[in-house]
Amino acid sequence: MPRLSASSRTIGRWSAFIALATVGFLGLAGCATPPMPPTEALQAAESSISNAEQARVADYASAELTMARQKLAMANTAARNDEMTRAEQLAVEARTHAEVALAQAEELKAKAVNDDMQTSIDTLKLEMDRATGARQ
């Protein structure tokens, strides 16, 4: 087996060192890059707010819808400022507020329908009592 000269061994060690240093540097550089923008979370929040607006939620739960819009605006600002973790958190909060607003609006709409039905039932009972009372 041929023996390597001292200079060949030194070059081999330096090559290995440079390769390891490069891998280490690239690994650190990967850690140093900011997180990706929370595009999906922002789109989900925008979609939820849009759905709430189309369902005329503002008539029933305007405070929650306003809060959702404010959180979305804050999330977009945080994303522009490279605060991606905060942007994602705010986008999730915006979506939650929009969904709560939609749920509150649906509950109030159902309650209104229920109240109307109860009024109709009460009216029918009065009419039936009047009709049966007239026969006697």
N, C-alpha and C. Protein backbone atom coordinates (compact mmCIF):
# COMPACT_ATOMS: atom_id res chain seq x y z
N MET A 1 0.84 -1.17 0.00
CA MET A 1 0.00 0.00 0.00
C MET A 1 0.89 1.23 0.00
N PRO A 2 0.66 2.18 -0.92
CA PRO A 2 1.53 3.35 -0.99
C PRO A 2 1.25 4.29 0.17
N ARG A 3 2.29 4.88 0.66
CA ARG A 3 2.17 5.84 1.76
C ARG A 3 1.98 7.23 1.18
N LEU A 4 1.11 7.96 1.83
CA LEU A 4 0.90 9.33 1.40
C LEU A 4 1.93 10.22 2.05
N SER A 5 2.32 11.21 1.33
CA SER A 5 3.29 12.14 1.89
C SER A 5 2.60 13.02 2.92
N ALA A 6 3.38 13.70 3.72
CA ALA A 6 2.84 14.56 4.77
C ALA A 6 2.01 15.68 4.16
N SER A 7 2.41 16.21 3.02
CA SER A 7 1.66 17.30 2.40
C SER A 7 0.32 16.79 1.86
N SER A 8 0.28 15.57 1.36
CA SER A 8 -0.98 15.01 0.88
C SER A 8 -1.94 14.80 2.03
N ARG A 9 -1.43 14.33 3.16
CA ARG A 9 -2.31 14.16 4.33
C ARG A 9 -2.82 15.50 4.83
N THR A 10 -2.01 16.52 4.80
CA THR A 10 -2.42 17.85 5.25
C THR A 10 -3.50 18.40 4.34
N ILE A 11 -3.31 18.23 3.03
CA ILE A 11 -4.32 18.70 2.07
C ILE A 11 -5.64 17.96 2.29
N GLY A 12 -5.56 16.66 2.52
CA GLY A 12 -6.76 15.88 2.78
C GLY A 12 -7.49 16.34 4.04
N ARG A 13 -6.71 16.67 5.06
CA ARG A 13 -7.33 17.16 6.31
C ARG A 13 -7.99 18.51 6.09
N TRP A 14 -7.30 19.40 5.35
CA TRP A 14 -7.87 20.70 5.08
C TRP A 14 -9.14 20.58 4.23
N SER A 15 -9.15 19.68 3.29
CA SER A 15 -10.34 19.47 2.46
C SER A 15 -11.50 19.00 3.31
N ALA A 16 -11.21 18.07 4.22
CA ALA A 16 -12.26 17.58 5.12
C ALA A 16 -12.74 18.70 6.02
N PHE A 17 -11.81 19.51 6.52
CA PHE A 17 -12.17 20.62 7.39
C PHE A 17 -13.04 21.63 6.64
N ILE A 18 -12.65 21.97 5.42
CA ILE A 18 -13.42 22.92 4.61
C ILE A 18 -14.80 22.37 4.31
N ALA A 19 -14.88 21.08 4.00
CA ALA A 19 -16.18 20.47 3.71
C ALA A 19 -17.07 20.52 4.94
N LEU A 20 -16.54 20.17 6.11
CA LEU A 20 -17.32 20.22 7.34
C LEU A 20 -17.72 21.65 7.69
N ALA A 21 -16.80 22.58 7.52
CA ALA A 21 -17.10 23.98 7.81
C ALA A 21 -18.20 24.49 6.89
N THR A 22 -18.16 24.11 5.62
CA THR A 22 -19.18 24.53 4.66
C THR A 22 -20.54 23.97 5.04
N VAL A 23 -20.58 22.70 5.39
CA VAL A 23 -21.84 22.08 5.81
C VAL A 23 -22.37 22.77 7.07
N GLY A 24 -21.49 23.03 8.02
CA GLY A 24 -21.89 23.71 9.24
C GLY A 24 -22.41 25.11 8.98
N PHE A 25 -21.71 25.85 8.10
CA PHE A 25 -22.13 27.19 7.75
C PHE A 25 -23.49 27.19 7.08
N LEU A 26 -23.68 26.29 6.15
CA LEU A 26 -24.97 26.19 5.47
C LEU A 26 -26.08 25.81 6.43
N GLY A 27 -25.75 24.94 7.38
CA GLY A 27 -26.74 24.56 8.40
C GLY A 27 -27.14 25.75 9.25
N LEU A 28 -26.17 26.54 9.65
CA LEU A 28 -26.47 27.74 10.44
C LEU A 28 -27.23 28.77 9.61
N ALA A 29 -26.86 28.90 8.37
CA ALA A 29 -27.55 29.85 7.50
C ALA A 29 -29.01 29.45 7.33
N GLY A 30 -29.27 28.14 7.27
CA GLY A 30 -30.65 27.66 7.17
C GLY A 30 -31.45 28.00 8.41
N CYS A 31 -30.82 27.96 9.54
CA CYS A 31 -31.50 28.31 10.79
C CYS A 31 -31.73 29.81 10.90
N ALA A 32 -30.88 30.59 10.30
CA ALA A 32 -30.96 32.03 10.43
C ALA A 32 -32.00 32.65 9.51
N THR A 33 -32.46 31.93 8.50
CA THR A 33 -33.45 32.50 7.60
C THR A 33 -34.78 32.63 8.32
N PRO A 34 -35.47 33.72 8.07
CA PRO A 34 -36.76 33.91 8.75
C PRO A 34 -37.77 32.87 8.26
N PRO A 35 -38.75 32.58 9.09
CA PRO A 35 -39.78 31.63 8.66
C PRO A 35 -40.55 32.18 7.46
N MET A 36 -41.14 31.27 6.73
CA MET A 36 -41.91 31.65 5.54
C MET A 36 -43.17 32.41 5.97
N PRO A 37 -43.67 33.29 5.12
CA PRO A 37 -44.89 34.01 5.44
C PRO A 37 -46.05 33.02 5.65
N PRO A 38 -46.91 33.32 6.58
CA PRO A 38 -48.04 32.41 6.86
C PRO A 38 -49.16 32.60 5.84
N THR A 39 -48.85 32.32 4.60
CA THR A 39 -49.80 32.55 3.50
C THR A 39 -51.12 31.82 3.71
N GLU A 40 -51.04 30.55 4.09
CA GLU A 40 -52.27 29.76 4.27
C GLU A 40 -53.12 30.34 5.39
N ALA A 41 -52.51 30.72 6.50
CA ALA A 41 -53.26 31.26 7.63
C ALA A 41 -53.90 32.59 7.25
N LEU A 42 -53.18 33.42 6.52
CA LEU A 42 -53.74 34.70 6.08
C LEU A 42 -54.91 34.49 5.11
N GLN A 43 -54.75 33.56 4.18
CA GLN A 43 -55.83 33.28 3.23
C GLN A 43 -57.05 32.71 3.94
N ALA A 44 -56.83 31.85 4.92
CA ALA A 44 -57.95 31.26 5.67
C ALA A 44 -58.69 32.35 6.43
N ALA A 45 -57.97 33.28 7.02
CA ALA A 45 -58.61 34.38 7.75
C ALA A 45 -59.40 35.26 6.79
N GLU A 46 -58.81 35.59 5.65
CA GLU A 46 -59.52 36.40 4.65
C GLU A 46 -60.78 35.70 4.17
N SER A 47 -60.69 34.42 3.95
CA SER A 47 -61.84 33.64 3.49
C SER A 47 -62.95 33.62 4.54
N SER A 48 -62.57 33.42 5.80
CA SER A 48 -63.56 33.39 6.88
C SER A 48 -64.26 34.73 7.02
N ILE A 49 -63.49 35.81 6.92
CA ILE A 49 -64.08 37.15 7.01
C ILE A 49 -65.00 37.39 5.83
N SER A 50 -64.59 36.99 4.65
CA SER A 50 -65.42 37.14 3.46
C SER A 50 -66.73 36.36 3.60
N ASN A 51 -66.64 35.13 4.09
CA ASN A 51 -67.85 34.32 4.31
C ASN A 51 -68.78 34.99 5.31
N ALA A 52 -68.20 35.55 6.36
CA ALA A 52 -69.01 36.22 7.38
C ALA A 52 -69.69 37.45 6.79
N GLU A 53 -68.97 38.20 5.97
CA GLU A 53 -69.56 39.40 5.35
C GLU A 53 -70.68 39.02 4.40
N GLN A 54 -70.50 37.95 3.63
CA GLN A 54 -71.55 37.51 2.71
C GLN A 54 -72.79 37.03 3.45
N ALA A 55 -72.60 36.53 4.65
CA ALA A 55 -73.74 36.05 5.45
C ALA A 55 -74.37 37.19 6.25
N ARG A 56 -73.94 38.42 5.98
CA ARG A 56 -74.48 39.60 6.65
C ARG A 56 -74.35 39.50 8.17
N VAL A 57 -73.20 39.06 8.61
CA VAL A 57 -72.92 38.90 10.03
C VAL A 57 -72.90 40.23 10.75
N ALA A 58 -72.52 41.30 10.05
CA ALA A 58 -72.41 42.62 10.68
C ALA A 58 -73.74 43.05 11.30
N ASP A 59 -74.85 42.55 10.78
CA ASP A 59 -76.16 42.88 11.34
C ASP A 59 -76.35 42.27 12.72
N TYR A 60 -75.64 41.21 13.02
CA TYR A 60 -75.85 40.46 14.27
C TYR A 60 -74.64 40.44 15.20
N ALA A 61 -73.44 40.40 14.64
CA ALA A 61 -72.23 40.25 15.46
C ALA A 61 -71.13 41.17 14.93
N SER A 62 -71.43 42.45 14.89
CA SER A 62 -70.48 43.38 14.29
C SER A 62 -69.20 43.52 15.11
N ALA A 63 -69.27 43.39 16.42
CA ALA A 63 -68.06 43.53 17.25
C ALA A 63 -67.04 42.43 16.91
N GLU A 64 -67.51 41.21 16.79
CA GLU A 64 -66.60 40.10 16.46
C GLU A 64 -66.03 40.25 15.05
N LEU A 65 -66.86 40.67 14.12
CA LEU A 65 -66.40 40.85 12.75
C LEU A 65 -65.38 42.00 12.67
N THR A 66 -65.63 43.06 13.41
CA THR A 66 -64.67 44.17 13.46
C THR A 66 -63.35 43.70 14.04
N MET A 67 -63.40 42.90 15.09
CA MET A 67 -62.18 42.37 15.70
C MET A 67 -61.43 41.48 14.71
N ALA A 68 -62.15 40.69 13.95
CA ALA A 68 -61.53 39.83 12.94
C ALA A 68 -60.80 40.67 11.90
N ARG A 69 -61.43 41.73 11.44
CA ARG A 69 -60.79 42.61 10.45
C ARG A 69 -59.54 43.26 11.02
N GLN A 70 -59.62 43.72 12.27
CA GLN A 70 -58.46 44.36 12.91
C GLN A 70 -57.30 43.38 13.06
N LYS A 71 -57.61 42.15 13.49
CA LYS A 71 -56.56 41.14 13.65
C LYS A 71 -55.92 40.81 12.30
N LEU A 72 -56.72 40.74 11.25
CA LEU A 72 -56.17 40.45 9.93
C LEU A 72 -55.26 41.59 9.47
N ALA A 73 -55.66 42.82 9.71
CA ALA A 73 -54.81 43.96 9.35
C ALA A 73 -53.49 43.91 10.13
N MET A 74 -53.57 43.57 11.40
CA MET A 74 -52.36 43.45 12.22
C MET A 74 -51.48 42.31 11.72
N ALA A 75 -52.10 41.21 11.30
CA ALA A 75 -51.35 40.06 10.77
C ALA A 75 -50.61 40.45 9.49
N ASN A 76 -51.28 41.18 8.61
CA ASN A 76 -50.64 41.62 7.37
C ASN A 76 -49.48 42.56 7.66
N THR A 77 -49.65 43.44 8.63
CA THR A 77 -48.57 44.35 9.02
C THR A 77 -47.40 43.57 9.59
N ALA A 78 -47.67 42.60 10.44
CA ALA A 78 -46.61 41.78 11.02
C ALA A 78 -45.87 41.02 9.93
N ALA A 79 -46.58 40.52 8.94
CA ALA A 79 -45.93 39.79 7.84
C ALA A 79 -45.02 40.72 7.04
N ARG A 80 -45.49 41.95 6.80
CA ARG A 80 -44.65 42.92 6.08
C ARG A 80 -43.39 43.27 6.87
N ASN A 81 -43.49 43.21 8.20
CA ASN A 81 -42.36 43.52 9.07
C ASN A 81 -41.51 42.29 9.39
N ASP A 82 -41.71 41.20 8.66
CA ASP A 82 -40.97 39.95 8.85
C ASP A 82 -41.15 39.35 10.23
N GLU A 83 -42.29 39.58 10.85
CA GLU A 83 -42.64 38.96 12.13
C GLU A 83 -43.61 37.82 11.82
N MET A 84 -43.09 36.77 11.21
CA MET A 84 -43.92 35.72 10.65
C MET A 84 -44.67 34.92 11.72
N THR A 85 -44.03 34.66 12.84
CA THR A 85 -44.71 33.91 13.90
C THR A 85 -45.89 34.71 14.42
N ARG A 86 -45.67 35.99 14.67
CA ARG A 86 -46.76 36.86 15.14
C ARG A 86 -47.84 36.99 14.08
N ALA A 87 -47.43 37.10 12.83
CA ALA A 87 -48.40 37.22 11.74
C ALA A 87 -49.31 36.00 11.68
N GLU A 88 -48.71 34.83 11.83
CA GLU A 88 -49.51 33.60 11.79
C GLU A 88 -50.47 33.55 12.97
N GLN A 89 -49.99 33.91 14.16
CA GLN A 89 -50.84 33.91 15.36
C GLN A 89 -52.02 34.87 15.17
N LEU A 90 -51.75 36.05 14.67
CA LEU A 90 -52.82 37.03 14.46
C LEU A 90 -53.79 36.58 13.37
N ALA A 91 -53.29 35.93 12.34
CA ALA A 91 -54.17 35.42 11.28
C ALA A 91 -55.10 34.34 11.83
N VAL A 92 -54.57 33.48 12.68
CA VAL A 92 -55.41 32.44 13.30
C VAL A 92 -56.47 33.09 14.19
N GLU A 93 -56.08 34.12 14.94
CA GLU A 93 -57.04 34.83 15.78
C GLU A 93 -58.11 35.52 14.94
N ALA A 94 -57.72 36.10 13.81
CA ALA A 94 -58.68 36.76 12.92
C ALA A 94 -59.69 35.74 12.40
N ARG A 95 -59.20 34.59 12.00
CA ARG A 95 -60.10 33.54 11.50
C ARG A 95 -61.06 33.10 12.60
N THR A 96 -60.55 32.94 13.80
CA THR A 96 -61.39 32.52 14.93
C THR A 96 -62.48 33.55 15.21
N HIS A 97 -62.11 34.83 15.22
CA HIS A 97 -63.12 35.87 15.46
C HIS A 97 -64.18 35.86 14.36
N ALA A 98 -63.77 35.67 13.11
CA ALA A 98 -64.74 35.62 12.02
C ALA A 98 -65.67 34.43 12.16
N GLU A 99 -65.13 33.29 12.56
CA GLU A 99 -65.98 32.10 12.75
C GLU A 99 -66.92 32.27 13.94
N VAL A 100 -66.45 32.91 14.99
CA VAL A 100 -67.32 33.18 16.15
C VAL A 100 -68.44 34.14 15.73
N ALA A 101 -68.09 35.16 14.95
CA ALA A 101 -69.10 36.10 14.47
C ALA A 101 -70.16 35.39 13.64
N LEU A 102 -69.72 34.49 12.78
CA LEU A 102 -70.65 33.73 11.95
C LEU A 102 -71.55 32.86 12.81
N ALA A 103 -70.98 32.20 13.80
CA ALA A 103 -71.78 31.35 14.71
C ALA A 103 -72.78 32.18 15.50
N GLN A 104 -72.35 33.33 15.99
CA GLN A 104 -73.27 34.20 16.75
C GLN A 104 -74.41 34.67 15.85
N ALA A 105 -74.09 35.04 14.63
CA ALA A 105 -75.13 35.51 13.71
C ALA A 105 -76.13 34.40 13.41
N GLU A 106 -75.61 33.19 13.18
CA GLU A 106 -76.51 32.06 12.92
C GLU A 106 -77.40 31.79 14.12
N GLU A 107 -76.84 31.88 15.32
CA GLU A 107 -77.63 31.67 16.54
C GLU A 107 -78.73 32.72 16.66
N LEU A 108 -78.38 33.99 16.42
CA LEU A 108 -79.38 35.06 16.54
C LEU A 108 -80.44 34.95 15.45
N LYS A 109 -80.03 34.53 14.25
CA LYS A 109 -81.02 34.34 13.18
C LYS A 109 -81.98 33.20 13.56
N ALA A 110 -81.44 32.12 14.08
CA ALA A 110 -82.29 30.99 14.49
C ALA A 110 -83.22 31.40 15.61
N LYS A 111 -82.73 32.21 16.54
CA LYS A 111 -83.57 32.67 17.64
C LYS A 111 -84.70 33.55 17.11
N ALA A 112 -84.40 34.39 16.14
CA ALA A 112 -85.44 35.24 15.54
C ALA A 112 -86.50 34.39 14.86
N VAL A 113 -86.08 33.36 14.13
CA VAL A 113 -87.04 32.46 13.48
C VAL A 113 -87.88 31.75 14.54
N ASN A 114 -87.23 31.27 15.59
CA ASN A 114 -87.93 30.59 16.67
C ASN A 114 -88.95 31.52 17.33
N ASP A 115 -88.56 32.77 17.58
CA ASP A 115 -89.48 33.74 18.18
C ASP A 115 -90.68 34.00 17.27
N ASP A 116 -90.44 34.12 15.95
CA ASP A 116 -91.54 34.31 15.01
C ASP A 116 -92.49 33.11 15.01
N MET A 117 -91.91 31.91 15.06
CA MET A 117 -92.75 30.71 15.08
C MET A 117 -93.58 30.65 16.38
N GLN A 118 -92.96 31.02 17.48
CA GLN A 118 -93.69 31.01 18.75
C GLN A 118 -94.83 32.02 18.73
N THR A 119 -94.60 33.18 18.13
CA THR A 119 -95.66 34.18 18.00
C THR A 119 -96.79 33.64 17.13
N SER A 120 -96.46 32.96 16.06
CA SER A 120 -97.48 32.38 15.19
C SER A 120 -98.27 31.31 15.92
N ILE A 121 -97.60 30.49 16.70
CA ILE A 121 -98.28 29.44 17.48
C ILE A 121 -99.23 30.07 18.48
N ASP A 122 -98.76 31.11 19.15
CA ASP A 122 -99.61 31.79 20.14
C ASP A 122 -100.84 32.40 19.47
N THR A 123 -100.66 32.96 18.29
CA THR A 123 -101.78 33.53 17.55
C THR A 123 -102.77 32.45 17.14
N LEU A 124 -102.25 31.32 16.67
CA LEU A 124 -103.13 30.21 16.29
C LEU A 124 -103.92 29.68 17.49
N LYS A 125 -103.29 29.59 18.64
CA LYS A 125 -103.98 29.14 19.86
C LYS A 125 -105.11 30.09 20.23
N LEU A 126 -104.85 31.39 20.12
CA LEU A 126 -105.90 32.36 20.42
C LEU A 126 -107.07 32.23 19.45
N GLU A 127 -106.77 32.04 18.18
CA GLU A 127 -107.82 31.88 17.18
C GLU A 127 -108.62 30.60 17.42
N MET A 128 -107.92 29.53 17.82
CA MET A 128 -108.63 28.27 18.10
C MET A 128 -109.51 28.41 19.34
N ASP A 129 -109.01 29.09 20.35
CA ASP A 129 -109.82 29.31 21.55
C ASP A 129 -111.05 30.16 21.22
N ARG A 130 -110.87 31.16 20.40
CA ARG A 130 -111.98 32.04 20.02
C ARG A 130 -113.00 31.25 19.21
N ALA A 131 -112.52 30.41 18.30
CA ALA A 131 -113.42 29.62 17.46
C ALA A 131 -114.18 28.60 18.26
N THR A 132 -113.54 27.93 19.19
CA THR A 132 -114.24 26.92 20.01
C THR A 132 -115.14 27.61 21.02
N GLY A 133 -114.81 28.78 21.47
CA GLY A 133 -115.65 29.52 22.42
C GLY A 133 -116.90 30.03 21.75
N ALA A 134 -116.85 30.34 20.47
CA ALA A 134 -118.01 30.86 19.74
C ALA A 134 -119.04 29.76 19.51
N ARG A 135 -118.62 28.50 19.43
CA ARG A 135 -119.54 27.40 19.18
C ARG A 135 -120.34 27.05 20.43
N GLN A 136 -119.79 27.30 21.56
CA GLN A 136 -120.47 26.88 22.79
C GLN A 136 -121.51 27.82 23.22
